[in-house]
Amino acid sequence: MKVFYFGCNKYPGHYMFRVAMNIDWEFLERNPWGLSIDGGLCPGAVKEIWRVPIEKQIEGAAHLHHKDDWTALSFWDRSIDKRSGCNSNFIAQGMFTFEEMLAIAREHFPGVMSRFTFPIVPAESVRPL
């Protein structure tokens, strides 16, 4: 199974990582969502993610996306980079449910998952601010 993580690792700055946490520059550009993977798939996102007020960037409130036989689980995340617009995305080849993507993320990226102090839940289940 092809699995990737887009977000921060240890330091501020968003990159596309393989399971071994090596940066994959090629997949960053050729993933099904292209560069919009950087915040564009998060709840409430607009083309210019800096226009989404930080109080609307609820950490852990996630959206699930399917495109071209790929699944992305995307959410706002300031666990490393505290600035507005910071996000995390787990991407897997295949069609998966929300719960399956969480399990895939835990299995393939346990270090990333262990740093979250907030639950990752469907955005629809989070009460708006």
C-alpha atoms as a PDB file:
ATOM      1  CA  MET A   1       0.000   0.000   0.000  1.00  0.00           C
ATOM      2  CA  LYS A   2       1.262   3.476  -0.846  1.00  0.00           C
ATOM      3  CA  VAL A   3       0.898   5.799   2.139  1.00  0.00           C
ATOM      4  CA  PHE A   4       2.158   9.354   2.637  1.00  0.00           C
ATOM      5  CA  TYR A   5       2.001  12.105   5.229  1.00  0.00           C
ATOM      6  CA  PHE A   6       1.937  15.786   4.321  1.00  0.00           C
ATOM      7  CA  GLY A   7       2.627  18.171   7.185  1.00  0.00           C
ATOM      8  CA  CYS A   8       5.341  19.076   9.671  1.00  0.00           C
ATOM      9  CA  ASN A   9       7.888  16.713  11.165  1.00  0.00           C
ATOM     10  CA  LYS A  10       9.899  17.919  14.161  1.00  0.00           C
ATOM     11  CA  TYR A  11      10.209  21.470  12.783  1.00  0.00           C
ATOM     12  CA  PRO A  12       7.899  24.049  11.165  1.00  0.00           C
ATOM     13  CA  GLY A  13       7.480  23.626   7.427  1.00  0.00           C
ATOM     14  CA  HIS A  14       5.169  21.351   5.447  1.00  0.00           C
ATOM     15  CA  TYR A  15       6.574  18.514   3.351  1.00  0.00           C
ATOM     16  CA  MET A  16       5.390  15.272   1.764  1.00  0.00           C
ATOM     17  CA  PHE A  17       6.832  12.304   3.646  1.00  0.00           C
ATOM     18  CA  ARG A  18       7.093   8.619   2.827  1.00  0.00           C
ATOM     19  CA  VAL A  19       6.563   6.085   5.625  1.00  0.00           C
ATOM     20  CA  ALA A  20      10.292   6.212   6.497  1.00  0.00           C
ATOM     21  CA  MET A  21       9.818   9.996   6.959  1.00  0.00           C
ATOM     22  CA  ASN A  22      11.957  10.762   3.896  1.00  0.00           C
ATOM     23  CA  ILE A  23      10.749  13.769   1.919  1.00  0.00           C
ATOM     24  CA  ASP A  24       9.151  12.891  -1.424  1.00  0.00           C
ATOM     25  CA  TRP A  25       9.357  16.002  -3.619  1.00  0.00           C
ATOM     26  CA  GLU A  26       7.916  14.239  -6.669  1.00  0.00           C
ATOM     27  CA  PHE A  27       4.714  13.028  -4.969  1.00  0.00           C
ATOM     28  CA  LEU A  28       4.181  16.472  -3.478  1.00  0.00           C
ATOM     29  CA  GLU A  29       3.455  17.745  -6.976  1.00  0.00           C
ATOM     30  CA  ARG A  30       1.849  14.645  -8.493  1.00  0.00           C
ATOM     31  CA  ASN A  31      -0.502  13.607  -5.688  1.00  0.00           C
ATOM     32  CA  PRO A  32      -4.158  13.702  -6.785  1.00  0.00           C
ATOM     33  CA  TRP A  33      -4.787  17.078  -5.110  1.00  0.00           C
ATOM     34  CA  GLY A  34      -1.563  18.759  -6.226  1.00  0.00           C
ATOM     35  CA  LEU A  35      -0.345  21.672  -4.142  1.00  0.00           C
ATOM     36  CA  SER A  36      -3.829  22.269  -2.713  1.00  0.00           C
ATOM     37  CA  ILE A  37      -2.894  19.460  -0.306  1.00  0.00           C
ATOM     38  CA  ASP A  38      -1.362  22.264   1.795  1.00  0.00           C
ATOM     39  CA  GLY A  39      -4.448  23.362   3.719  1.00  0.00           C
ATOM     40  CA  GLY A  40      -6.826  23.298   0.775  1.00  0.00           C
ATOM     41  CA  LEU A  41      -8.500  20.074   1.928  1.00  0.00           C
ATOM     42  CA  CYS A  42      -9.049  21.131   5.534  1.00  0.00           C
ATOM     43  CA  PRO A  43     -12.481  22.087   6.903  1.00  0.00           C
ATOM     44  CA  GLY A  44     -13.451  25.617   5.944  1.00  0.00           C
ATOM     45  CA  ALA A  45     -10.502  25.971   3.582  1.00  0.00           C
ATOM     46  CA  VAL A  46     -10.531  28.444   0.768  1.00  0.00           C
ATOM     47  CA  LYS A  47      -7.999  28.875  -2.010  1.00  0.00           C
ATOM     48  CA  GLU A  48      -6.022  31.366   0.094  1.00  0.00           C
ATOM     49  CA  ILE A  49      -5.782  29.455   3.383  1.00  0.00           C
ATOM     50  CA  TRP A  50      -4.457  32.511   5.201  1.00  0.00           C
ATOM     51  CA  ARG A  51      -7.979  33.957   4.799  1.00  0.00           C
ATOM     52  CA  VAL A  52      -9.471  31.294   7.097  1.00  0.00           C
ATOM     53  CA  PRO A  53      -9.561  32.844  10.585  1.00  0.00           C
ATOM     54  CA  ILE A  54      -7.463  30.844  13.035  1.00  0.00           C
ATOM     55  CA  GLU A  55     -10.467  30.449  15.343  1.00  0.00           C
ATOM     56  CA  LYS A  56     -12.158  28.510  12.510  1.00  0.00           C
ATOM     57  CA  GLN A  57      -9.102  26.250  12.098  1.00  0.00           C
ATOM     58  CA  ILE A  58     -10.195  23.743  14.732  1.00  0.00           C
ATOM     59  CA  GLU A  59      -7.388  21.257  15.326  1.00  0.00           C
ATOM     60  CA  GLY A  60      -8.423  17.679  14.668  1.00  0.00           C
ATOM     61  CA  ALA A  61     -11.672  18.518  12.861  1.00  0.00           C
ATOM     62  CA  ALA A  62     -11.074  16.532   9.690  1.00  0.00           C
ATOM     63  CA  HIS A  63     -12.402  16.019   6.192  1.00  0.00           C
ATOM     64  CA  LEU A  64     -12.095  12.796   4.199  1.00  0.00           C
ATOM     65  CA  HIS A  65     -11.482  13.098   0.443  1.00  0.00           C
ATOM     66  CA  HIS A  66     -11.462  10.571  -2.405  1.00  0.00           C
ATOM     67  CA  LYS A  67      -9.928  11.179  -5.826  1.00  0.00           C
ATOM     68  CA  ASP A  68      -8.472   8.909  -8.524  1.00  0.00           C
ATOM     69  CA  ASP A  69      -8.420   5.848  -6.207  1.00  0.00           C
ATOM     70  CA  TRP A  70      -6.686   7.785  -3.415  1.00  0.00           C
ATOM     71  CA  THR A  71      -7.984   8.836  -0.001  1.00  0.00           C
ATOM     72  CA  ALA A  72      -6.857  11.836   2.046  1.00  0.00           C
ATOM     73  CA  LEU A  73      -7.642  12.574   5.671  1.00  0.00           C
ATOM     74  CA  SER A  74      -6.986  16.290   6.215  1.00  0.00           C
ATOM     75  CA  PHE A  75      -7.170  18.515   9.297  1.00  0.00           C
ATOM     76  CA  TRP A  76      -5.797  21.678  10.874  1.00  0.00           C
ATOM     77  CA  ASP A  77      -2.807  20.920  13.094  1.00  0.00           C
ATOM     78  CA  ARG A  78      -0.586  23.317  15.034  1.00  0.00           C
ATOM     79  CA  SER A  79       1.178  20.650  17.102  1.00  0.00           C
ATOM     80  CA  ILE A  80       4.569  21.680  15.680  1.00  0.00           C
ATOM     81  CA  ASP A  81       4.055  24.852  13.660  1.00  0.00           C
ATOM     82  CA  LYS A  82       1.874  27.258  15.673  1.00  0.00           C
ATOM     83  CA  ARG A  83       1.087  29.577  12.780  1.00  0.00           C
ATOM     84  CA  SER A  84      -2.294  29.926  11.134  1.00  0.00           C
ATOM     85  CA  GLY A  85      -2.828  27.594   8.170  1.00  0.00           C
ATOM     86  CA  CYS A  86      -0.837  24.666   9.527  1.00  0.00           C
ATOM     87  CA  ASN A  87      -2.281  21.289   8.678  1.00  0.00           C
ATOM     88  CA  SER A  88      -1.736  17.541   8.454  1.00  0.00           C
ATOM     89  CA  ASN A  89      -2.835  15.103   5.762  1.00  0.00           C
ATOM     90  CA  PHE A  90      -2.592  11.329   5.572  1.00  0.00           C
ATOM     91  CA  ILE A  91      -2.854   9.994   2.028  1.00  0.00           C
ATOM     92  CA  ALA A  92      -3.284   6.363   0.996  1.00  0.00           C
ATOM     93  CA  GLN A  93      -3.817   4.688  -2.346  1.00  0.00           C
ATOM     94  CA  GLY A  94      -7.245   3.087  -2.321  1.00  0.00           C
ATOM     95  CA  MET A  95     -10.711   3.982  -1.136  1.00  0.00           C
ATOM     96  CA  PHE A  96     -10.925   4.078   2.658  1.00  0.00           C
ATOM     97  CA  THR A  97     -13.346   5.216   5.346  1.00  0.00           C
ATOM     98  CA  PHE A  98     -12.546   7.770   8.029  1.00  0.00           C
ATOM     99  CA  GLU A  99     -11.886   5.026  10.597  1.00  0.00           C
ATOM    100  CA  GLU A 100      -9.729   3.059   8.163  1.00  0.00           C
ATOM    101  CA  MET A 101      -7.605   6.144   7.440  1.00  0.00           C
ATOM    102  CA  LEU A 102      -7.057   6.705  11.154  1.00  0.00           C
ATOM    103  CA  ALA A 103      -5.929   3.079  11.500  1.00  0.00           C
ATOM    104  CA  ILE A 104      -3.614   3.434   8.480  1.00  0.00           C
ATOM    105  CA  ALA A 105      -2.128   6.626   9.954  1.00  0.00           C
ATOM    106  CA  ARG A 106      -1.545   4.941  13.328  1.00  0.00           C
ATOM    107  CA  GLU A 107       0.094   1.925  11.687  1.00  0.00           C
ATOM    108  CA  HIS A 108       2.337   3.745   9.204  1.00  0.00           C
ATOM    109  CA  PHE A 109       3.031   7.031  11.026  1.00  0.00           C
ATOM    110  CA  PRO A 110       2.921   6.227  14.764  1.00  0.00           C
ATOM    111  CA  GLY A 111       5.378   9.013  15.635  1.00  0.00           C
ATOM    112  CA  VAL A 112       3.257  11.627  13.919  1.00  0.00           C
ATOM    113  CA  MET A 113       0.024  10.319  15.445  1.00  0.00           C
ATOM    114  CA  SER A 114       1.533  10.217  18.946  1.00  0.00           C
ATOM    115  CA  ARG A 115       2.128  13.972  19.036  1.00  0.00           C
ATOM    116  CA  PHE A 116      -1.533  14.946  18.617  1.00  0.00           C
ATOM    117  CA  THR A 117      -3.081  16.088  21.894  1.00  0.00           C
ATOM    118  CA  PHE A 118      -6.484  16.547  20.242  1.00  0.00           C
ATOM    119  CA  PRO A 119      -8.885  13.968  18.834  1.00  0.00           C
ATOM    120  CA  ILE A 120      -9.163  13.590  15.069  1.00  0.00           C
ATOM    121  CA  VAL A 121     -12.877  13.529  14.313  1.00  0.00           C
ATOM    122  CA  PRO A 122     -15.159  14.260  11.356  1.00  0.00           C
ATOM    123  CA  ALA A 123     -15.586  18.035  11.062  1.00  0.00           C
ATOM    124  CA  GLU A 124     -19.352  17.554  10.915  1.00  0.00           C
ATOM    125  CA  SER A 125     -19.285  16.307  14.514  1.00  0.00           C
ATOM    126  CA  VAL A 126     -17.532  19.422  15.841  1.00  0.00           C
ATOM    127  CA  ARG A 127     -19.678  22.247  17.138  1.00  0.00           C
ATOM    128  CA  PRO A 128     -18.913  25.479  15.229  1.00  0.00           C
ATOM    129  CA  LEU A 129     -17.329  28.313  17.190  1.00  0.00           C
END
